[in-house]
Structures are given as structure tokens and as C-alpha cells.
Amino acid sequence: NFAFTCDNPELALKTKQRTEISYSDIPGWHKNAESVWFFWTNCKG
């Protein structure tokens, strides 16, 4: 059950910014994982 929060602006991906995430840092990832679920929001609708 997700409780997504926008309380910390330091965690936002800034405009035109790129980031990379190692698969091993993705919650629930394992070597046989086939996909990930990705959610994004600007916290304003």
C-alpha cells in the first residue's frame, strides 16, 4: 500500500535532469524480475 509524499523538494527530479538507478536499488528487485512499476507526479495534479 503506497503512501506517496511530496514533502521533500530535495527528492524531486529537477526539470531537464536525468538520473540513473541500479536495478539492485529498486525495492523488490531480484535477478529474475521481469519488470518494474514506475509512478511520477508533479504533486499539483
All heavy atoms as atom14 arrays in JSON, in Angstrom:
{
  "sequence": "NFAFTCDNPELALKTKQRTEISYSDIPGWHKNAESVWFFWTNCKG",
  "atom14_mask": [
    [1, 1, 1, 1, 1, 1, 1, 1, 0, 0, 0, 0, 0, 0],
    [1, 1, 1, 1, 1, 1, 1, 1, 1, 1, 1, 0, 0, 0],
    [1, 1, 1, 1, 1, 0, 0, 0, 0, 0, 0, 0, 0, 0],
    [1, 1, 1, 1, 1, 1, 1, 1, 1, 1, 1, 0, 0, 0],
    [1, 1, 1, 1, 1, 1, 1, 0, 0, 0, 0, 0, 0, 0],
    [1, 1, 1, 1, 1, 1, 0, 0, 0, 0, 0, 0, 0, 0],
    [1, 1, 1, 1, 1, 1, 1, 1, 0, 0, 0, 0, 0, 0],
    [1, 1, 1, 1, 1, 1, 1, 1, 0, 0, 0, 0, 0, 0],
    [1, 1, 1, 1, 1, 1, 1, 0, 0, 0, 0, 0, 0, 0],
    [1, 1, 1, 1, 1, 1, 1, 1, 1, 0, 0, 0, 0, 0],
    [1, 1, 1, 1, 1, 1, 1, 1, 0, 0, 0, 0, 0, 0],
    [1, 1, 1, 1, 1, 0, 0, 0, 0, 0, 0, 0, 0, 0],
    [1, 1, 1, 1, 1, 1, 1, 1, 0, 0, 0, 0, 0, 0],
    [1, 1, 1, 1, 1, 1, 1, 1, 1, 0, 0, 0, 0, 0],
    [1, 1, 1, 1, 1, 1, 1, 0, 0, 0, 0, 0, 0, 0],
    [1, 1, 1, 1, 1, 1, 1, 1, 1, 0, 0, 0, 0, 0],
    [1, 1, 1, 1, 1, 1, 1, 1, 1, 0, 0, 0, 0, 0],
    [1, 1, 1, 1, 1, 1, 1, 1, 1, 1, 1, 0, 0, 0],
    [1, 1, 1, 1, 1, 1, 1, 0, 0, 0, 0, 0, 0, 0],
    [1, 1, 1, 1, 1, 1, 1, 1, 1, 0, 0, 0, 0, 0],
    [1, 1, 1, 1, 1, 1, 1, 1, 0, 0, 0, 0, 0, 0],
    [1, 1, 1, 1, 1, 1, 0, 0, 0, 0, 0, 0, 0, 0],
    [1, 1, 1, 1, 1, 1, 1, 1, 1, 1, 1, 1, 0, 0],
    [1, 1, 1, 1, 1, 1, 0, 0, 0, 0, 0, 0, 0, 0],
    [1, 1, 1, 1, 1, 1, 1, 1, 0, 0, 0, 0, 0, 0],
    [1, 1, 1, 1, 1, 1, 1, 1, 0, 0, 0, 0, 0, 0],
    [1, 1, 1, 1, 1, 1, 1, 0, 0, 0, 0, 0, 0, 0],
    [1, 1, 1, 1, 0, 0, 0, 0, 0, 0, 0, 0, 0, 0],
    [1, 1, 1, 1, 1, 1, 1, 1, 1, 1, 1, 1, 1, 1],
    [1, 1, 1, 1, 1, 1, 1, 1, 1, 1, 0, 0, 0, 0],
    [1, 1, 1, 1, 1, 1, 1, 1, 1, 0, 0, 0, 0, 0],
    [1, 1, 1, 1, 1, 1, 1, 1, 0, 0, 0, 0, 0, 0],
    [1, 1, 1, 1, 1, 0, 0, 0, 0, 0, 0, 0, 0, 0],
    [1, 1, 1, 1, 1, 1, 1, 1, 1, 0, 0, 0, 0, 0],
    [1, 1, 1, 1, 1, 1, 0, 0, 0, 0, 0, 0, 0, 0],
    [1, 1, 1, 1, 1, 1, 1, 0, 0, 0, 0, 0, 0, 0],
    [1, 1, 1, 1, 1, 1, 1, 1, 1, 1, 1, 1, 1, 1],
    [1, 1, 1, 1, 1, 1, 1, 1, 1, 1, 1, 0, 0, 0],
    [1, 1, 1, 1, 1, 1, 1, 1, 1, 1, 1, 0, 0, 0],
    [1, 1, 1, 1, 1, 1, 1, 1, 1, 1, 1, 1, 1, 1],
    [1, 1, 1, 1, 1, 1, 1, 0, 0, 0, 0, 0, 0, 0],
    [1, 1, 1, 1, 1, 1, 1, 1, 0, 0, 0, 0, 0, 0],
    [1, 1, 1, 1, 1, 1, 0, 0, 0, 0, 0, 0, 0, 0],
    [1, 1, 1, 1, 1, 1, 1, 1, 1, 0, 0, 0, 0, 0],
    [1, 1, 1, 1, 0, 0, 0, 0, 0, 0, 0, 0, 0, 0]
  ],
  "atom14_positions": [
    [[0.87, -1.18, 0.0], [0.0, 0.0, 0.0], [0.9, 1.22, 0.0], [1.72, 1.39, 0.89], [-0.91, 0.03, 1.24], [-1.97, -1.02, 1.18], [-2.49, -1.31, 0.1], [-2.31, -1.6, 2.31], [0.0, 0.0, 0.0], [0.0, 0.0, 0.0], [0.0, 0.0, 0.0], [0.0, 0.0, 0.0], [0.0, 0.0, 0.0], [0.0, 0.0, 0.0]],
    [[0.74, 2.08, -1.0], [1.63, 3.22, -1.15], [1.11, 4.43, -0.39], [-0.08, 4.71, -0.38], [1.78, 3.6, -2.62], [2.45, 2.53, -3.42], [1.71, 1.64, -4.17], [3.82, 2.41, -3.41], [2.32, 0.64, -4.89], [4.45, 1.42, -4.13], [3.69, 0.52, -4.87], [0.0, 0.0, 0.0], [0.0, 0.0, 0.0], [0.0, 0.0, 0.0]],
    [[2.02, 5.16, 0.22], [1.73, 6.45, 0.86], [2.75, 7.43, 0.29], [3.76, 7.71, 0.9], [1.83, 6.34, 2.37], [0.0, 0.0, 0.0], [0.0, 0.0, 0.0], [0.0, 0.0, 0.0], [0.0, 0.0, 0.0], [0.0, 0.0, 0.0], [0.0, 0.0, 0.0], [0.0, 0.0, 0.0], [0.0, 0.0, 0.0], [0.0, 0.0, 0.0]],
    [[2.48, 7.89, -0.92], [3.43, 8.76, -1.61], [3.35, 10.17, -1.04], [2.28, 10.69, -0.8], [3.11, 8.78, -3.12], [4.22, 9.33, -3.94], [5.29, 8.54, -4.29], [4.22, 10.64, -4.35], [6.34, 9.04, -5.05], [5.25, 11.16, -5.11], [6.31, 10.35, -5.46], [0.0, 0.0, 0.0], [0.0, 0.0, 0.0], [0.0, 0.0, 0.0]],
    [[4.5, 10.79, -0.83], [4.53, 12.13, -0.26], [5.42, 13.05, -1.09], [6.38, 12.59, -1.71], [5.02, 12.1, 1.21], [5.07, 13.43, 1.7], [6.4, 11.48, 1.33], [0.0, 0.0, 0.0], [0.0, 0.0, 0.0], [0.0, 0.0, 0.0], [0.0, 0.0, 0.0], [0.0, 0.0, 0.0], [0.0, 0.0, 0.0], [0.0, 0.0, 0.0]],
    [[5.09, 14.31, -1.08], [5.86, 15.32, -1.8], [6.45, 16.33, -0.82], [6.66, 17.49, -1.16], [4.97, 16.04, -2.81], [4.23, 14.97, -4.03], [0.0, 0.0, 0.0], [0.0, 0.0, 0.0], [0.0, 0.0, 0.0], [0.0, 0.0, 0.0], [0.0, 0.0, 0.0], [0.0, 0.0, 0.0], [0.0, 0.0, 0.0], [0.0, 0.0, 0.0]],
    [[6.72, 15.89, 0.39], [7.17, 16.78, 1.45], [8.59, 17.3, 1.3], [8.94, 18.31, 1.85], [7.06, 16.09, 2.82], [5.62, 15.83, 3.21], [4.72, 16.49, 2.65], [5.38, 14.96, 4.07], [0.0, 0.0, 0.0], [0.0, 0.0, 0.0], [0.0, 0.0, 0.0], [0.0, 0.0, 0.0], [0.0, 0.0, 0.0], [0.0, 0.0, 0.0]],
    [[9.43, 16.58, 0.56], [10.83, 16.96, 0.48], [11.21, 17.36, -0.95], [11.48, 16.5, -1.78], [11.72, 15.81, 0.95], [13.16, 16.2, 1.07], [13.56, 17.27, 0.61], [13.96, 15.35, 1.68], [0.0, 0.0, 0.0], [0.0, 0.0, 0.0], [0.0, 0.0, 0.0], [0.0, 0.0, 0.0], [0.0, 0.0, 0.0], [0.0, 0.0, 0.0]],
    [[11.27, 18.65, -1.24], [11.6, 19.09, -2.6], [13.01, 18.67, -3.04], [13.29, 18.66, -4.24], [11.47, 20.61, -2.54], [11.41, 20.98, -1.12], [11.01, 19.76, -0.35], [0.0, 0.0, 0.0], [0.0, 0.0, 0.0], [0.0, 0.0, 0.0], [0.0, 0.0, 0.0], [0.0, 0.0, 0.0], [0.0, 0.0, 0.0], [0.0, 0.0, 0.0]],
    [[13.87, 18.31, -2.11], [15.21, 17.85, -2.48], [15.17, 16.53, -3.23], [16.11, 16.17, -3.93], [16.08, 17.71, -1.22], [16.36, 19.01, -0.51], [17.1, 20.01, -1.38], [18.05, 19.61, -2.07], [16.72, 21.19, -1.38], [0.0, 0.0, 0.0], [0.0, 0.0, 0.0], [0.0, 0.0, 0.0], [0.0, 0.0, 0.0], [0.0, 0.0, 0.0]],
    [[14.07, 15.77, -3.08], [13.95, 14.48, -3.73], [13.35, 14.58, -5.14], [13.26, 13.58, -5.84], [13.08, 13.54, -2.89], [13.64, 13.22, -1.5], [12.67, 12.33, -0.73], [15.01, 12.57, -1.6], [0.0, 0.0, 0.0], [0.0, 0.0, 0.0], [0.0, 0.0, 0.0], [0.0, 0.0, 0.0], [0.0, 0.0, 0.0], [0.0, 0.0, 0.0]],
    [[12.94, 15.75, -5.55], [12.33, 15.92, -6.87], [13.38, 15.81, -7.96], [14.52, 16.22, -7.8], [11.64, 17.28, -6.95], [0.0, 0.0, 0.0], [0.0, 0.0, 0.0], [0.0, 0.0, 0.0], [0.0, 0.0, 0.0], [0.0, 0.0, 0.0], [0.0, 0.0, 0.0], [0.0, 0.0, 0.0], [0.0, 0.0, 0.0], [0.0, 0.0, 0.0]],
    [[12.97, 15.23, -9.08], [13.82, 15.21, -10.27], [13.6, 16.55, -10.96], [12.51, 16.85, -11.45], [13.42, 14.04, -11.18], [14.31, 13.81, -12.4], [15.75, 13.51, -11.98], [13.75, 12.66, -13.23], [0.0, 0.0, 0.0], [0.0, 0.0, 0.0], [0.0, 0.0, 0.0], [0.0, 0.0, 0.0], [0.0, 0.0, 0.0], [0.0, 0.0, 0.0]],
    [[14.63, 17.36, -10.95], [14.53, 18.74, -11.47], [14.27, 18.74, -12.97], [14.55, 17.77, -13.67], [15.8, 19.52, -11.16], [16.2, 19.52, -9.69], [15.16, 20.18, -8.82], [15.64, 20.23, -7.39], [14.61, 20.09, -6.42], [0.0, 0.0, 0.0], [0.0, 0.0, 0.0], [0.0, 0.0, 0.0], [0.0, 0.0, 0.0], [0.0, 0.0, 0.0]],
    [[13.77, 19.85, -13.45], [13.48, 20.0, -14.86], [14.73, 19.74, -15.7], [15.82, 20.17, -15.35], [12.89, 21.39, -15.15], [12.57, 21.47, -16.53], [13.82, 22.51, -14.78], [0.0, 0.0, 0.0], [0.0, 0.0, 0.0], [0.0, 0.0, 0.0], [0.0, 0.0, 0.0], [0.0, 0.0, 0.0], [0.0, 0.0, 0.0], [0.0, 0.0, 0.0]],
    [[14.55, 18.96, -16.76], [15.6, 18.59, -17.72], [16.72, 17.73, -17.11], [17.74, 17.52, -17.72], [16.22, 19.81, -18.4], [15.22, 20.77, -18.98], [14.37, 20.16, -20.06], [13.46, 21.22, -20.66], [12.29, 20.7, -21.3], [0.0, 0.0, 0.0], [0.0, 0.0, 0.0], [0.0, 0.0, 0.0], [0.0, 0.0, 0.0], [0.0, 0.0, 0.0]],
    [[16.51, 17.23, -15.89], [17.53, 16.42, -15.21], [17.34, 14.94, -15.54], [16.22, 14.48, -15.79], [17.45, 16.63, -13.7], [18.52, 15.9, -12.92], [18.42, 16.15, -11.43], [17.51, 16.82, -10.95], [19.34, 15.59, -10.68], [0.0, 0.0, 0.0], [0.0, 0.0, 0.0], [0.0, 0.0, 0.0], [0.0, 0.0, 0.0], [0.0, 0.0, 0.0]],
    [[18.44, 14.2, -15.51], [18.43, 12.75, -15.74], [19.06, 12.08, -14.52], [20.01, 12.59, -13.95], [19.23, 12.43, -17.0], [19.34, 10.97, -17.33], [20.26, 10.79, -18.55], [20.38, 9.42, -18.9], [19.7, 8.83, -19.88], [18.86, 9.54, -20.6], [19.86, 7.55, -20.13], [0.0, 0.0, 0.0], [0.0, 0.0, 0.0], [0.0, 0.0, 0.0]],
    [[18.52, 10.91, -14.16], [19.1, 10.15, -13.07], [19.15, 8.68, -13.48], [18.4, 8.26, -14.36], [18.31, 10.32, -11.75], [19.04, 9.75, -10.68], [16.93, 9.72, -11.83], [0.0, 0.0, 0.0], [0.0, 0.0, 0.0], [0.0, 0.0, 0.0], [0.0, 0.0, 0.0], [0.0, 0.0, 0.0], [0.0, 0.0, 0.0], [0.0, 0.0, 0.0]],
    [[20.04, 7.94, -12.86], [20.17, 6.52, -13.13], [20.02, 5.75, -11.84], [20.56, 6.15, -10.8], [21.51, 6.22, -13.79], [21.64, 6.84, -15.17], [22.92, 6.48, -15.88], [23.89, 6.03, -15.21], [22.96, 6.63, -17.11], [0.0, 0.0, 0.0], [0.0, 0.0, 0.0], [0.0, 0.0, 0.0], [0.0, 0.0, 0.0], [0.0, 0.0, 0.0]],
    [[19.29, 4.63, -11.92], [19.03, 3.8, -10.75], [19.51, 2.39, -11.07], [19.09, 1.79, -12.06], [17.53, 3.76, -10.43], [17.0, 5.18, -10.27], [17.25, 2.92, -9.2], [15.51, 5.29, -10.48], [0.0, 0.0, 0.0], [0.0, 0.0, 0.0], [0.0, 0.0, 0.0], [0.0, 0.0, 0.0], [0.0, 0.0, 0.0], [0.0, 0.0, 0.0]],
    [[20.38, 1.86, -10.23], [20.81, 0.48, -10.38], [19.63, -0.43, -10.08], [18.86, -0.18, -9.14], [21.96, 0.2, -9.4], [22.27, -1.17, -9.43], [0.0, 0.0, 0.0], [0.0, 0.0, 0.0], [0.0, 0.0, 0.0], [0.0, 0.0, 0.0], [0.0, 0.0, 0.0], [0.0, 0.0, 0.0], [0.0, 0.0, 0.0], [0.0, 0.0, 0.0]],
    [[19.46, -1.47, -10.87], [18.36, -2.41, -10.62], [18.37, -2.88, -9.17], [17.32, -3.01, -8.55], [18.48, -3.63, -11.53], [18.12, -3.42, -12.98], [17.72, -2.18, -13.48], [18.16, -4.48, -13.87], [17.4, -2.01, -14.81], [17.84, -4.32, -15.21], [17.46, -3.09, -15.67], [17.14, -2.93, -17.0], [0.0, 0.0, 0.0], [0.0, 0.0, 0.0]],
    [[19.53, -3.13, -8.63], [19.62, -3.65, -7.27], [19.12, -2.65, -6.22], [18.84, -3.04, -5.09], [21.05, -4.08, -6.95], [21.93, -2.98, -7.03], [0.0, 0.0, 0.0], [0.0, 0.0, 0.0], [0.0, 0.0, 0.0], [0.0, 0.0, 0.0], [0.0, 0.0, 0.0], [0.0, 0.0, 0.0], [0.0, 0.0, 0.0], [0.0, 0.0, 0.0]],
    [[18.99, -1.38, -6.59], [18.47, -0.36, -5.67], [16.95, -0.19, -5.78], [16.36, 0.61, -5.05], [19.14, 0.99, -5.93], [20.6, 0.99, -5.52], [20.98, 0.18, -4.64], [21.37, 1.79, -6.08], [0.0, 0.0, 0.0], [0.0, 0.0, 0.0], [0.0, 0.0, 0.0], [0.0, 0.0, 0.0], [0.0, 0.0, 0.0], [0.0, 0.0, 0.0]],
    [[16.31, -0.92, -6.68], [14.86, -0.84, -6.85], [14.2, -1.76, -5.83], [14.53, -2.95, -5.77], [14.46, -1.24, -8.28], [15.06, -0.25, -9.28], [12.95, -1.32, -8.42], [14.89, -0.65, -10.74], [0.0, 0.0, 0.0], [0.0, 0.0, 0.0], [0.0, 0.0, 0.0], [0.0, 0.0, 0.0], [0.0, 0.0, 0.0], [0.0, 0.0, 0.0]],
    [[13.29, -1.23, -5.0], [12.63, -2.08, -3.99], [11.98, -3.31, -4.63], [11.27, -3.2, -5.63], [11.57, -1.16, -3.38], [12.11, 0.22, -3.61], [12.83, 0.15, -4.94], [0.0, 0.0, 0.0], [0.0, 0.0, 0.0], [0.0, 0.0, 0.0], [0.0, 0.0, 0.0], [0.0, 0.0, 0.0], [0.0, 0.0, 0.0], [0.0, 0.0, 0.0]],
    [[12.26, -4.47, -4.06], [11.68, -5.72, -4.52], [12.4, -6.37, -5.69], [12.07, -7.49, -6.08], [0.0, 0.0, 0.0], [0.0, 0.0, 0.0], [0.0, 0.0, 0.0], [0.0, 0.0, 0.0], [0.0, 0.0, 0.0], [0.0, 0.0, 0.0], [0.0, 0.0, 0.0], [0.0, 0.0, 0.0], [0.0, 0.0, 0.0], [0.0, 0.0, 0.0]],
    [[13.41, -5.69, -6.24], [14.1, -6.25, -7.41], [14.82, -7.54, -7.03], [15.35, -7.7, -5.93], [15.12, -5.25, -7.96], [15.85, -5.79, -9.15], [15.45, -5.74, -10.45], [17.1, -6.49, -9.15], [16.37, -6.36, -11.26], [17.4, -6.83, -10.48], [17.99, -6.87, -8.16], [18.54, -7.53, -10.85], [19.13, -7.56, -8.51], [19.4, -7.88, -9.85]],
    [[14.81, -8.49, -7.95], [15.57, -9.74, -7.81], [16.04, -10.13, -9.21], [15.56, -9.59, -10.22], [14.72, -10.85, -7.17], [13.4, -11.06, -7.85], [13.24, -11.88, -8.93], [12.19, -10.49, -7.61], [11.98, -11.85, -9.32], [11.32, -11.01, -8.54], [0.0, 0.0, 0.0], [0.0, 0.0, 0.0], [0.0, 0.0, 0.0], [0.0, 0.0, 0.0]],
    [[16.98, -11.05, -9.32], [17.61, -11.35, -10.61], [16.64, -11.88, -11.66], [16.91, -11.8, -12.85], [18.79, -12.3, -10.43], [18.42, -13.68, -9.97], [19.63, -14.56, -9.85], [19.21, -15.95, -9.4], [20.31, -16.87, -9.41], [0.0, 0.0, 0.0], [0.0, 0.0, 0.0], [0.0, 0.0, 0.0], [0.0, 0.0, 0.0], [0.0, 0.0, 0.0]],
    [[15.5, -12.41, -11.24], [14.51, -12.92, -12.19], [13.38, -11.92, -12.45], [12.39, -12.27, -13.12], [13.92, -14.24, -11.7], [14.98, -15.33, -11.64], [15.84, -15.41, -12.5], [14.92, -16.15, -10.62], [0.0, 0.0, 0.0], [0.0, 0.0, 0.0], [0.0, 0.0, 0.0], [0.0, 0.0, 0.0], [0.0, 0.0, 0.0], [0.0, 0.0, 0.0]],
    [[13.5, -10.7, -11.93], [12.45, -9.69, -12.12], [12.31, -9.37, -13.61], [13.31, -9.19, -14.31], [12.78, -8.43, -11.34], [0.0, 0.0, 0.0], [0.0, 0.0, 0.0], [0.0, 0.0, 0.0], [0.0, 0.0, 0.0], [0.0, 0.0, 0.0], [0.0, 0.0, 0.0], [0.0, 0.0, 0.0], [0.0, 0.0, 0.0], [0.0, 0.0, 0.0]],
    [[11.07, -9.32, -14.09], [10.81, -9.05, -15.5], [10.46, -7.6, -15.78], [10.64, -7.11, -16.89], [9.7, -9.96, -16.0], [10.06, -11.42, -15.95], [8.95, -12.32, -16.43], [7.92, -11.8, -16.93], [9.09, -13.55, -16.3], [0.0, 0.0, 0.0], [0.0, 0.0, 0.0], [0.0, 0.0, 0.0], [0.0, 0.0, 0.0], [0.0, 0.0, 0.0]],
    [[9.93, -6.91, -14.76], [9.5, -5.52, -14.98], [9.44, -4.77, -13.66], [9.5, -5.36, -12.59], [8.13, -5.48, -15.67], [7.14, -6.09, -14.85], [0.0, 0.0, 0.0], [0.0, 0.0, 0.0], [0.0, 0.0, 0.0], [0.0, 0.0, 0.0], [0.0, 0.0, 0.0], [0.0, 0.0, 0.0], [0.0, 0.0, 0.0], [0.0, 0.0, 0.0]],
    [[9.33, -3.45, -13.78], [9.13, -2.59, -12.62], [7.94, -1.7, -12.9], [7.58, -1.44, -14.06], [10.38, -1.7, -12.31], [11.54, -2.56, -11.87], [10.76, -0.84, -13.49], [0.0, 0.0, 0.0], [0.0, 0.0, 0.0], [0.0, 0.0, 0.0], [0.0, 0.0, 0.0], [0.0, 0.0, 0.0], [0.0, 0.0, 0.0], [0.0, 0.0, 0.0]],
    [[7.3, -1.24, -11.83], [6.2, -0.29, -11.94], [6.78, 1.09, -11.61], [7.47, 1.26, -10.61], [5.08, -0.65, -10.98], [3.9, 0.27, -11.07], [2.99, 0.35, -12.09], [3.49, 1.23, -10.09], [2.05, 1.31, -11.8], [2.33, 1.86, -10.59], [4.0, 1.63, -8.85], [1.67, 2.85, -9.88], [3.33, 2.61, -8.16], [2.18, 3.22, -8.67]],
    [[6.51, 2.05, -12.48], [7.06, 3.39, -12.37], [5.9, 4.39, -12.23], [4.98, 4.39, -13.03], [7.88, 3.71, -13.62], [8.44, 5.1, -13.66], [9.61, 5.4, -12.99], [7.81, 6.11, -14.36], [10.14, 6.67, -13.02], [8.32, 7.39, -14.4], [9.49, 7.68, -13.72], [0.0, 0.0, 0.0], [0.0, 0.0, 0.0], [0.0, 0.0, 0.0]],
    [[5.96, 5.23, -11.19], [4.94, 6.25, -10.94], [5.63, 7.6, -10.84], [6.69, 7.71, -10.25], [4.21, 5.95, -9.62], [3.3, 7.06, -9.16], [2.05, 7.2, -9.7], [3.72, 7.97, -8.2], [1.21, 8.24, -9.28], [2.9, 9.0, -7.78], [1.64, 9.13, -8.32], [0.0, 0.0, 0.0], [0.0, 0.0, 0.0], [0.0, 0.0, 0.0]],
    [[5.01, 8.65, -11.43], [5.55, 10.0, -11.31], [4.41, 10.98, -11.04], [3.25, 10.72, -11.37], [6.32, 10.41, -12.57], [5.44, 10.56, -13.78], [5.15, 9.6, -14.7], [4.72, 11.73, -14.18], [4.3, 10.09, -15.65], [4.02, 11.4, -15.35], [4.61, 13.01, -13.66], [3.21, 12.31, -16.03], [3.8, 13.92, -14.32], [3.12, 13.56, -15.49]],
    [[4.76, 12.1, -10.42], [3.79, 13.17, -10.17], [4.52, 14.49, -10.01], [5.69, 14.51, -9.64], [2.95, 12.9, -8.9], [2.01, 13.96, -8.72], [3.82, 12.79, -7.66], [0.0, 0.0, 0.0], [0.0, 0.0, 0.0], [0.0, 0.0, 0.0], [0.0, 0.0, 0.0], [0.0, 0.0, 0.0], [0.0, 0.0, 0.0], [0.0, 0.0, 0.0]],
    [[3.83, 15.57, -10.3], [4.39, 16.89, -10.0], [3.78, 17.43, -8.71], [4.04, 18.55, -8.32], [4.17, 17.87, -11.16], [2.73, 18.27, -11.34], [1.81, 17.63, -10.84], [2.51, 19.33, -12.08], [0.0, 0.0, 0.0], [0.0, 0.0, 0.0], [0.0, 0.0, 0.0], [0.0, 0.0, 0.0], [0.0, 0.0, 0.0], [0.0, 0.0, 0.0]],
    [[2.95, 16.63, -8.06], [2.3, 16.96, -6.77], [1.32, 18.11, -6.91], [0.95, 18.72, -5.91], [3.34, 17.23, -5.7], [4.36, 15.79, -5.35], [0.0, 0.0, 0.0], [0.0, 0.0, 0.0], [0.0, 0.0, 0.0], [0.0, 0.0, 0.0], [0.0, 0.0, 0.0], [0.0, 0.0, 0.0], [0.0, 0.0, 0.0], [0.0, 0.0, 0.0]],
    [[0.92, 18.43, -8.13], [-0.04, 19.51, -8.35], [-1.11, 19.08, -9.35], [-1.7, 19.91, -10.03], [0.68, 20.75, -8.86], [1.65, 21.31, -7.84], [2.33, 22.55, -8.31], [3.29, 23.01, -7.22], [4.01, 24.2, -7.57], [0.0, 0.0, 0.0], [0.0, 0.0, 0.0], [0.0, 0.0, 0.0], [0.0, 0.0, 0.0], [0.0, 0.0, 0.0]],
    [[-1.32, 17.77, -9.46], [-2.38, 17.27, -10.33], [-1.93, 16.43, -11.5], [-2.65, 15.55, -11.94], [0.0, 0.0, 0.0], [0.0, 0.0, 0.0], [0.0, 0.0, 0.0], [0.0, 0.0, 0.0], [0.0, 0.0, 0.0], [0.0, 0.0, 0.0], [0.0, 0.0, 0.0], [0.0, 0.0, 0.0], [0.0, 0.0, 0.0], [0.0, 0.0, 0.0]]
  ]
}
